[in-house]
Amino acid sequence: MFKIIHDRPSCIGCGVCAAINPDHWTMSSEDGKSNVVGCEEVGTDEVLEIEELGKDLDAAEACPVNCIHLYDKDKKLI
């Protein structure tokens, strides 16, 4: 099981995550930042557990401000 943690306050709204993986990422019409689809809000972070990384690994690697963090169980990958 993998976990996505999106540090939403650090997001600059570039949209690369939503372009790479629209199944897990959308852009907010309110503030222009990205949102994780189906996530749980934990403080200011958005958290989503997923079965496999797939395109989310590409999204995290492409994020210019590194606000997408990926974990494999409790081990941080990005």
PDB file of N, CA and C in Angstrom:
ATOM      1  N   MET A   1       0.853  -1.180   0.000  1.00  0.00           N
ATOM      2  CA  MET A   1       0.000   0.000   0.000  1.00  0.00           C
ATOM      3  C   MET A   1       0.894   1.237   0.000  1.00  0.00           C
ATOM      4  N   PHE A   2       0.571   2.177  -0.857  1.00  0.00           N
ATOM      5  CA  PHE A   2       1.317   3.421  -0.966  1.00  0.00           C
ATOM      6  C   PHE A   2       0.450   4.566  -0.453  1.00  0.00           C
ATOM      7  N   LYS A   3       1.105   5.655  -0.096  1.00  0.00           N
ATOM      8  CA  LYS A   3       0.386   6.822   0.402  1.00  0.00           C
ATOM      9  C   LYS A   3       0.902   8.067  -0.310  1.00  0.00           C
ATOM     10  N   ILE A   4      -0.037   8.894  -0.754  1.00  0.00           N
ATOM     11  CA  ILE A   4       0.280  10.210  -1.301  1.00  0.00           C
ATOM     12  C   ILE A   4      -0.023  11.218  -0.208  1.00  0.00           C
ATOM     13  N   ILE A   5       0.928  12.079   0.071  1.00  0.00           N
ATOM     14  CA  ILE A   5       0.676  13.204   0.972  1.00  0.00           C
ATOM     15  C   ILE A   5       0.983  14.475   0.186  1.00  0.00           C
ATOM     16  N   HIS A   6      -0.041  15.269  -0.008  1.00  0.00           N
ATOM     17  CA  HIS A   6       0.089  16.511  -0.764  1.00  0.00           C
ATOM     18  C   HIS A   6       0.151  17.679   0.218  1.00  0.00           C
ATOM     19  N   ASP A   7       1.281  18.352   0.248  1.00  0.00           N
ATOM     20  CA  ASP A   7       1.474  19.550   1.079  1.00  0.00           C
ATOM     21  C   ASP A   7       0.841  20.714   0.327  1.00  0.00           C
ATOM     22  N   ARG A   8      -0.476  20.819   0.445  1.00  0.00           N
ATOM     23  CA  ARG A   8      -1.252  21.758  -0.365  1.00  0.00           C
ATOM     24  C   ARG A   8      -0.835  23.222  -0.197  1.00  0.00           C
ATOM     25  N   PRO A   9      -0.495  23.697   1.008  1.00  0.00           N
ATOM     26  CA  PRO A   9      -0.075  25.100   1.126  1.00  0.00           C
ATOM     27  C   PRO A   9       1.164  25.437   0.290  1.00  0.00           C
ATOM     28  N   SER A  10       2.006  24.454   0.022  1.00  0.00           N
ATOM     29  CA  SER A  10       3.212  24.699  -0.780  1.00  0.00           C
ATOM     30  C   SER A  10       2.954  24.651  -2.279  1.00  0.00           C
ATOM     31  N   CYS A  11       1.793  24.174  -2.676  1.00  0.00           N
ATOM     32  CA  CYS A  11       1.441  24.042  -4.093  1.00  0.00           C
ATOM     33  C   CYS A  11       1.375  25.419  -4.745  1.00  0.00           C
ATOM     34  N   ILE A  12       1.949  25.524  -5.963  1.00  0.00           N
ATOM     35  CA  ILE A  12       1.901  26.788  -6.704  1.00  0.00           C
ATOM     36  C   ILE A  12       0.882  26.748  -7.836  1.00  0.00           C
ATOM     37  N   GLY A  13       0.209  25.606  -7.995  1.00  0.00           N
ATOM     38  CA  GLY A  13      -0.847  25.502  -9.002  1.00  0.00           C
ATOM     39  C   GLY A  13      -0.349  25.410 -10.434  1.00  0.00           C
ATOM     40  N   CYS A  14       0.813  24.819 -10.645  1.00  0.00           N
ATOM     41  CA  CYS A  14       1.354  24.721 -12.007  1.00  0.00           C
ATOM     42  C   CYS A  14       0.535  23.766 -12.881  1.00  0.00           C
ATOM     43  N   GLY A  15      -0.123  22.776 -12.269  1.00  0.00           N
ATOM     44  CA  GLY A  15      -1.000  21.864 -12.991  1.00  0.00           C
ATOM     45  C   GLY A  15      -0.333  20.639 -13.579  1.00  0.00           C
ATOM     46  N   VAL A  16       0.965  20.470 -13.361  1.00  0.00           N
ATOM     47  CA  VAL A  16       1.654  19.323 -13.954  1.00  0.00           C
ATOM     48  C   VAL A  16       1.101  17.996 -13.421  1.00  0.00           C
ATOM     49  N   CYS A  17       0.740  17.940 -12.141  1.00  0.00           N
ATOM     50  CA  CYS A  17       0.212  16.693 -11.567  1.00  0.00           C
ATOM     51  C   CYS A  17      -1.110  16.309 -12.226  1.00  0.00           C
ATOM     52  N   ALA A  18      -1.984  17.283 -12.421  1.00  0.00           N
ATOM     53  CA  ALA A  18      -3.284  17.019 -13.049  1.00  0.00           C
ATOM     54  C   ALA A  18      -3.125  16.650 -14.518  1.00  0.00           C
ATOM     55  N   ALA A  19      -2.119  17.210 -15.172  1.00  0.00           N
ATOM     56  CA  ALA A  19      -1.867  16.874 -16.575  1.00  0.00           C
ATOM     57  C   ALA A  19      -1.331  15.449 -16.699  1.00  0.00           C
ATOM     58  N   ILE A  20      -0.489  15.043 -15.757  1.00  0.00           N
ATOM     59  CA  ILE A  20       0.110  13.705 -15.796  1.00  0.00           C
ATOM     60  C   ILE A  20      -0.877  12.639 -15.357  1.00  0.00           C
ATOM     61  N   ASN A  21      -1.643  12.907 -14.289  1.00  0.00           N
ATOM     62  CA  ASN A  21      -2.569  11.895 -13.768  1.00  0.00           C
ATOM     63  C   ASN A  21      -3.912  12.515 -13.364  1.00  0.00           C
ATOM     64  N   PRO A  22      -4.768  12.774 -14.340  1.00  0.00           N
ATOM     65  CA  PRO A  22      -6.075  13.365 -14.037  1.00  0.00           C
ATOM     66  C   PRO A  22      -6.996  12.451 -13.225  1.00  0.00           C
ATOM     67  N   ASP A  23      -6.645  11.164 -13.093  1.00  0.00           N
ATOM     68  CA  ASP A  23      -7.445  10.257 -12.271  1.00  0.00           C
ATOM     69  C   ASP A  23      -7.304  10.578 -10.785  1.00  0.00           C
ATOM     70  N   HIS A  24      -6.139  11.101 -10.370  1.00  0.00           N
ATOM     71  CA  HIS A  24      -5.908  11.392  -8.952  1.00  0.00           C
ATOM     72  C   HIS A  24      -5.758  12.883  -8.646  1.00  0.00           C
ATOM     73  N   TRP A  25      -5.656  13.733  -9.677  1.00  0.00           N
ATOM     74  CA  TRP A  25      -5.389  15.153  -9.444  1.00  0.00           C
ATOM     75  C   TRP A  25      -6.328  16.035 -10.251  1.00  0.00           C
ATOM     76  N   THR A  26      -6.845  17.085  -9.604  1.00  0.00           N
ATOM     77  CA  THR A  26      -7.650  18.102 -10.284  1.00  0.00           C
ATOM     78  C   THR A  26      -7.135  19.464  -9.842  1.00  0.00           C
ATOM     79  N   MET A  27      -7.524  20.479 -10.583  1.00  0.00           N
ATOM     80  CA  MET A  27      -7.148  21.841 -10.229  1.00  0.00           C
ATOM     81  C   MET A  27      -8.364  22.550  -9.631  1.00  0.00           C
ATOM     82  N   SER A  28      -8.150  23.234  -8.529  1.00  0.00           N
ATOM     83  CA  SER A  28      -9.230  23.938  -7.843  1.00  0.00           C
ATOM     84  C   SER A  28      -9.607  25.196  -8.608  1.00  0.00           C
ATOM     85  N   SER A  29     -10.899  25.404  -8.781  1.00  0.00           N
ATOM     86  CA  SER A  29     -11.355  26.640  -9.422  1.00  0.00           C
ATOM     87  C   SER A  29     -11.366  27.790  -8.416  1.00  0.00           C
ATOM     88  N   GLU A  30     -11.251  27.463  -7.132  1.00  0.00           N
ATOM     89  CA  GLU A  30     -11.266  28.494  -6.094  1.00  0.00           C
ATOM     90  C   GLU A  30      -9.923  29.196  -5.924  1.00  0.00           C
ATOM     91  N   ASP A  31      -8.848  28.414  -5.788  1.00  0.00           N
ATOM     92  CA  ASP A  31      -7.546  29.048  -5.547  1.00  0.00           C
ATOM     93  C   ASP A  31      -6.475  28.635  -6.547  1.00  0.00           C
ATOM     94  N   GLY A  32      -6.819  27.803  -7.527  1.00  0.00           N
ATOM     95  CA  GLY A  32      -5.887  27.424  -8.575  1.00  0.00           C
ATOM     96  C   GLY A  32      -4.871  26.363  -8.191  1.00  0.00           C
ATOM     97  N   LYS A  33      -4.946  25.857  -6.964  1.00  0.00           N
ATOM     98  CA  LYS A  33      -4.016  24.818  -6.529  1.00  0.00           C
ATOM     99  C   LYS A  33      -4.584  23.448  -6.872  1.00  0.00           C
ATOM    100  N   SER A  34      -3.729  22.438  -6.818  1.00  0.00           N
ATOM    101  CA  SER A  34      -4.197  21.088  -7.132  1.00  0.00           C
ATOM    102  C   SER A  34      -4.848  20.439  -5.914  1.00  0.00           C
ATOM    103  N   ASN A  35      -5.714  19.494  -6.204  1.00  0.00           N
ATOM    104  CA  ASN A  35      -6.394  18.695  -5.186  1.00  0.00           C
ATOM    105  C   ASN A  35      -6.224  17.223  -5.512  1.00  0.00           C
ATOM    106  N   VAL A  36      -6.102  16.409  -4.471  1.00  0.00           N
ATOM    107  CA  VAL A  36      -6.041  14.964  -4.649  1.00  0.00           C
ATOM    108  C   VAL A  36      -7.480  14.435  -4.629  1.00  0.00           C
ATOM    109  N   VAL A  37      -7.870  13.746  -5.670  1.00  0.00           N
ATOM    110  CA  VAL A  37      -9.223  13.214  -5.790  1.00  0.00           C
ATOM    111  C   VAL A  37      -9.431  12.100  -4.761  1.00  0.00           C
ATOM    112  N   GLY A  38     -10.500  12.213  -3.972  1.00  0.00           N
ATOM    113  CA  GLY A  38     -10.859  11.178  -3.008  1.00  0.00           C
ATOM    114  C   GLY A  38      -9.997  11.134  -1.762  1.00  0.00           C
ATOM    115  N   CYS A  39      -9.291  12.212  -1.490  1.00  0.00           N
ATOM    116  CA  CYS A  39      -8.358  12.225  -0.358  1.00  0.00           C
ATOM    117  C   CYS A  39      -9.050  12.482   0.975  1.00  0.00           C
ATOM    118  N   GLU A  40      -8.275  12.282   2.019  1.00  0.00           N
ATOM    119  CA  GLU A  40      -8.669  12.654   3.372  1.00  0.00           C
ATOM    120  C   GLU A  40      -7.838  13.881   3.733  1.00  0.00           C
ATOM    121  N   GLU A  41      -8.463  14.893   4.303  1.00  0.00           N
ATOM    122  CA  GLU A  41      -7.726  16.080   4.728  1.00  0.00           C
ATOM    123  C   GLU A  41      -7.191  15.856   6.136  1.00  0.00           C
ATOM    124  N   VAL A  42      -5.883  16.024   6.281  1.00  0.00           N
ATOM    125  CA  VAL A  42      -5.210  15.865   7.571  1.00  0.00           C
ATOM    126  C   VAL A  42      -4.455  17.167   7.818  1.00  0.00           C
ATOM    127  N   GLY A  43      -5.031  18.021   8.646  1.00  0.00           N
ATOM    128  CA  GLY A  43      -4.455  19.356   8.822  1.00  0.00           C
ATOM    129  C   GLY A  43      -4.558  20.093   7.500  1.00  0.00           C
ATOM    130  N   THR A  44      -3.433  20.592   7.001  1.00  0.00           N
ATOM    131  CA  THR A  44      -3.427  21.273   5.705  1.00  0.00           C
ATOM    132  C   THR A  44      -3.011  20.343   4.572  1.00  0.00           C
ATOM    133  N   ASP A  45      -2.703  19.091   4.889  1.00  0.00           N
ATOM    134  CA  ASP A  45      -2.292  18.110   3.883  1.00  0.00           C
ATOM    135  C   ASP A  45      -3.493  17.340   3.358  1.00  0.00           C
ATOM    136  N   GLU A  46      -3.330  16.813   2.153  1.00  0.00           N
ATOM    137  CA  GLU A  46      -4.297  15.894   1.575  1.00  0.00           C
ATOM    138  C   GLU A  46      -3.615  14.530   1.507  1.00  0.00           C
ATOM    139  N   VAL A  47      -4.300  13.487   1.974  1.00  0.00           N
ATOM    140  CA  VAL A  47      -3.705  12.152   2.066  1.00  0.00           C
ATOM    141  C   VAL A  47      -4.596  11.150   1.336  1.00  0.00           C
ATOM    142  N   LEU A  48      -3.951  10.306   0.526  1.00  0.00           N
ATOM    143  CA  LEU A  48      -4.675   9.275  -0.199  1.00  0.00           C
ATOM    144  C   LEU A  48      -3.840   8.002  -0.206  1.00  0.00           C
ATOM    145  N   GLU A  49      -4.452   6.883   0.149  1.00  0.00           N
ATOM    146  CA  GLU A  49      -3.790   5.586   0.066  1.00  0.00           C
ATOM    147  C   GLU A  49      -4.163   4.950  -1.266  1.00  0.00           C
ATOM    148  N   ILE A  50      -3.148   4.383  -1.941  1.00  0.00           N
ATOM    149  CA  ILE A  50      -3.349   3.781  -3.256  1.00  0.00           C
ATOM    150  C   ILE A  50      -2.645   2.432  -3.311  1.00  0.00           C
ATOM    151  N   GLU A  51      -3.082   1.593  -4.228  1.00  0.00           N
ATOM    152  CA  GLU A  51      -2.515   0.245  -4.382  1.00  0.00           C
ATOM    153  C   GLU A  51      -1.181   0.263  -5.119  1.00  0.00           C
ATOM    154  N   GLU A  52      -1.068   1.107  -6.148  1.00  0.00           N
ATOM    155  CA  GLU A  52       0.175   1.193  -6.905  1.00  0.00           C
ATOM    156  C   GLU A  52       0.441   2.642  -7.286  1.00  0.00           C
ATOM    157  N   LEU A  53       1.720   2.957  -7.487  1.00  0.00           N
ATOM    158  CA  LEU A  53       2.101   4.338  -7.742  1.00  0.00           C
ATOM    159  C   LEU A  53       1.726   4.812  -9.138  1.00  0.00           C
ATOM    160  N   GLY A  54       2.015   4.029 -10.145  1.00  0.00           N
ATOM    161  CA  GLY A  54       1.678   4.409 -11.511  1.00  0.00           C
ATOM    162  C   GLY A  54       2.120   5.822 -11.843  1.00  0.00           C
ATOM    163  N   LYS A  55       1.207   6.607 -12.375  1.00  0.00           N
ATOM    164  CA  LYS A  55       1.500   7.963 -12.819  1.00  0.00           C
ATOM    165  C   LYS A  55       1.739   8.937 -11.666  1.00  0.00           C
ATOM    166  N   ASP A  56       1.373   8.562 -10.447  1.00  0.00           N
ATOM    167  CA  ASP A  56       1.606   9.459  -9.311  1.00  0.00           C
ATOM    168  C   ASP A  56       3.096   9.630  -9.033  1.00  0.00           C
ATOM    169  N   LEU A  57       3.887   8.616  -9.336  1.00  0.00           N
ATOM    170  CA  LEU A  57       5.334   8.746  -9.209  1.00  0.00           C
ATOM    171  C   LEU A  57       5.839   9.792 -10.198  1.00  0.00           C
ATOM    172  N   ASP A  58       5.343   9.753 -11.432  1.00  0.00           N
ATOM    173  CA  ASP A  58       5.723  10.749 -12.432  1.00  0.00           C
ATOM    174  C   ASP A  58       5.287  12.146 -12.006  1.00  0.00           C
ATOM    175  N   ALA A  59       4.078  12.256 -11.438  1.00  0.00           N
ATOM    176  CA  ALA A  59       3.571  13.551 -10.983  1.00  0.00           C
ATOM    177  C   ALA A  59       4.444  14.120  -9.872  1.00  0.00           C
ATOM    178  N   ALA A  60       4.825  13.277  -8.922  1.00  0.00           N
ATOM    179  CA  ALA A  60       5.666  13.736  -7.807  1.00  0.00           C
ATOM    180  C   ALA A  60       7.040  14.166  -8.302  1.00  0.00           C
ATOM    181  N   GLU A  61       7.607  13.415  -9.232  1.00  0.00           N
ATOM    182  CA  GLU A  61       8.924  13.763  -9.766  1.00  0.00           C
ATOM    183  C   GLU A  61       8.882  15.043 -10.591  1.00  0.00           C
ATOM    184  N   ALA A  62       7.756  15.336 -11.225  1.00  0.00           N
ATOM    185  CA  ALA A  62       7.632  16.519 -12.075  1.00  0.00           C
ATOM    186  C   ALA A  62       7.256  17.781 -11.306  1.00  0.00           C
ATOM    187  N   CYS A  63       6.776  17.635 -10.075  1.00  0.00           N
ATOM    188  CA  CYS A  63       6.333  18.799  -9.294  1.00  0.00           C
ATOM    189  C   CYS A  63       7.513  19.751  -9.050  1.00  0.00           C
ATOM    190  N   PRO A  64       7.401  21.005  -9.494  1.00  0.00           N
ATOM    191  CA  PRO A  64       8.533  21.926  -9.354  1.00  0.00           C
ATOM    192  C   PRO A  64       8.809  22.382  -7.926  1.00  0.00           C
ATOM    193  N   VAL A  65       7.846  22.223  -7.015  1.00  0.00           N
ATOM    194  CA  VAL A  65       8.068  22.657  -5.624  1.00  0.00           C
ATOM    195  C   VAL A  65       8.102  21.481  -4.649  1.00  0.00           C
ATOM    196  N   ASN A  66       8.094  20.257  -5.188  1.00  0.00           N
ATOM    197  CA  ASN A  66       8.196  19.046  -4.369  1.00  0.00           C
ATOM    198  C   ASN A  66       7.193  19.003  -3.218  1.00  0.00           C
ATOM    199  N   CYS A  67       5.933  19.291  -3.523  1.00  0.00           N
ATOM    200  CA  CYS A  67       4.907  19.267  -2.483  1.00  0.00           C
ATOM    201  C   CYS A  67       4.096  17.970  -2.506  1.00  0.00           C
ATOM    202  N   ILE A  68       4.489  17.021  -3.378  1.00  0.00           N
ATOM    203  CA  ILE A  68       3.851  15.707  -3.436  1.00  0.00           C
ATOM    204  C   ILE A  68       4.830  14.705  -2.849  1.00  0.00           C
ATOM    205  N   HIS A  69       4.436  14.101  -1.738  1.00  0.00           N
ATOM    206  CA  HIS A  69       5.302  13.146  -1.052  1.00  0.00           C
ATOM    207  C   HIS A  69       4.683  11.760  -1.162  1.00  0.00           C
ATOM    208  N   LEU A  70       5.498  10.778  -1.504  1.00  0.00           N
ATOM    209  CA  LEU A  70       5.036   9.407  -1.672  1.00  0.00           C
ATOM    210  C   LEU A  70       5.710   8.506  -0.660  1.00  0.00           C
ATOM    211  N   TYR A  71       4.911   7.614  -0.088  1.00  0.00           N
ATOM    212  CA  TYR A  71       5.403   6.671   0.922  1.00  0.00           C
ATOM    213  C   TYR A  71       5.012   5.257   0.531  1.00  0.00           C
ATOM    214  N   ASP A  72       5.919   4.323   0.805  1.00  0.00           N
ATOM    215  CA  ASP A  72       5.640   2.900   0.703  1.00  0.00           C
ATOM    216  C   ASP A  72       5.624   2.410   2.147  1.00  0.00           C
ATOM    217  N   LYS A  73       4.433   2.146   2.635  1.00  0.00           N
ATOM    218  CA  LYS A  73       4.208   1.899   4.070  1.00  0.00           C
ATOM    219  C   LYS A  73       4.693   3.122   4.825  1.00  0.00           C
ATOM    220  N   ASP A  74       5.712   3.037   5.650  1.00  0.00           N
ATOM    221  CA  ASP A  74       6.212   4.206   6.378  1.00  0.00           C
ATOM    222  C   ASP A  74       7.515   4.744   5.816  1.00  0.00           C
ATOM    223  N   LYS A  75       7.977   4.186   4.693  1.00  0.00           N
ATOM    224  CA  LYS A  75       9.236   4.612   4.087  1.00  0.00           C
ATOM    225  C   LYS A  75       8.973   5.673   3.023  1.00  0.00           C
ATOM    226  N   LYS A  76       9.592   6.839   3.176  1.00  0.00           N
ATOM    227  CA  LYS A  76       9.410   7.923   2.210  1.00  0.00           C
ATOM    228  C   LYS A  76      10.172   7.611   0.943  1.00  0.00           C
ATOM    229  N   LEU A  77       9.476   7.690  -0.201  1.00  0.00           N
ATOM    230  CA  LEU A  77      10.089   7.472  -1.495  1.00  0.00           C
ATOM    231  C   LEU A  77      10.490   8.802  -2.130  1.00  0.00           C
ATOM    232  N   ILE A  78       9.600   9.765  -2.062  1.00  0.00           N
ATOM    233  CA  ILE A  78       9.834  11.115  -2.600  1.00  0.00           C
ATOM    234  C   ILE A  78       9.264  12.119  -1.627  1.00  0.00           C
TER     235      ILE A  78
END
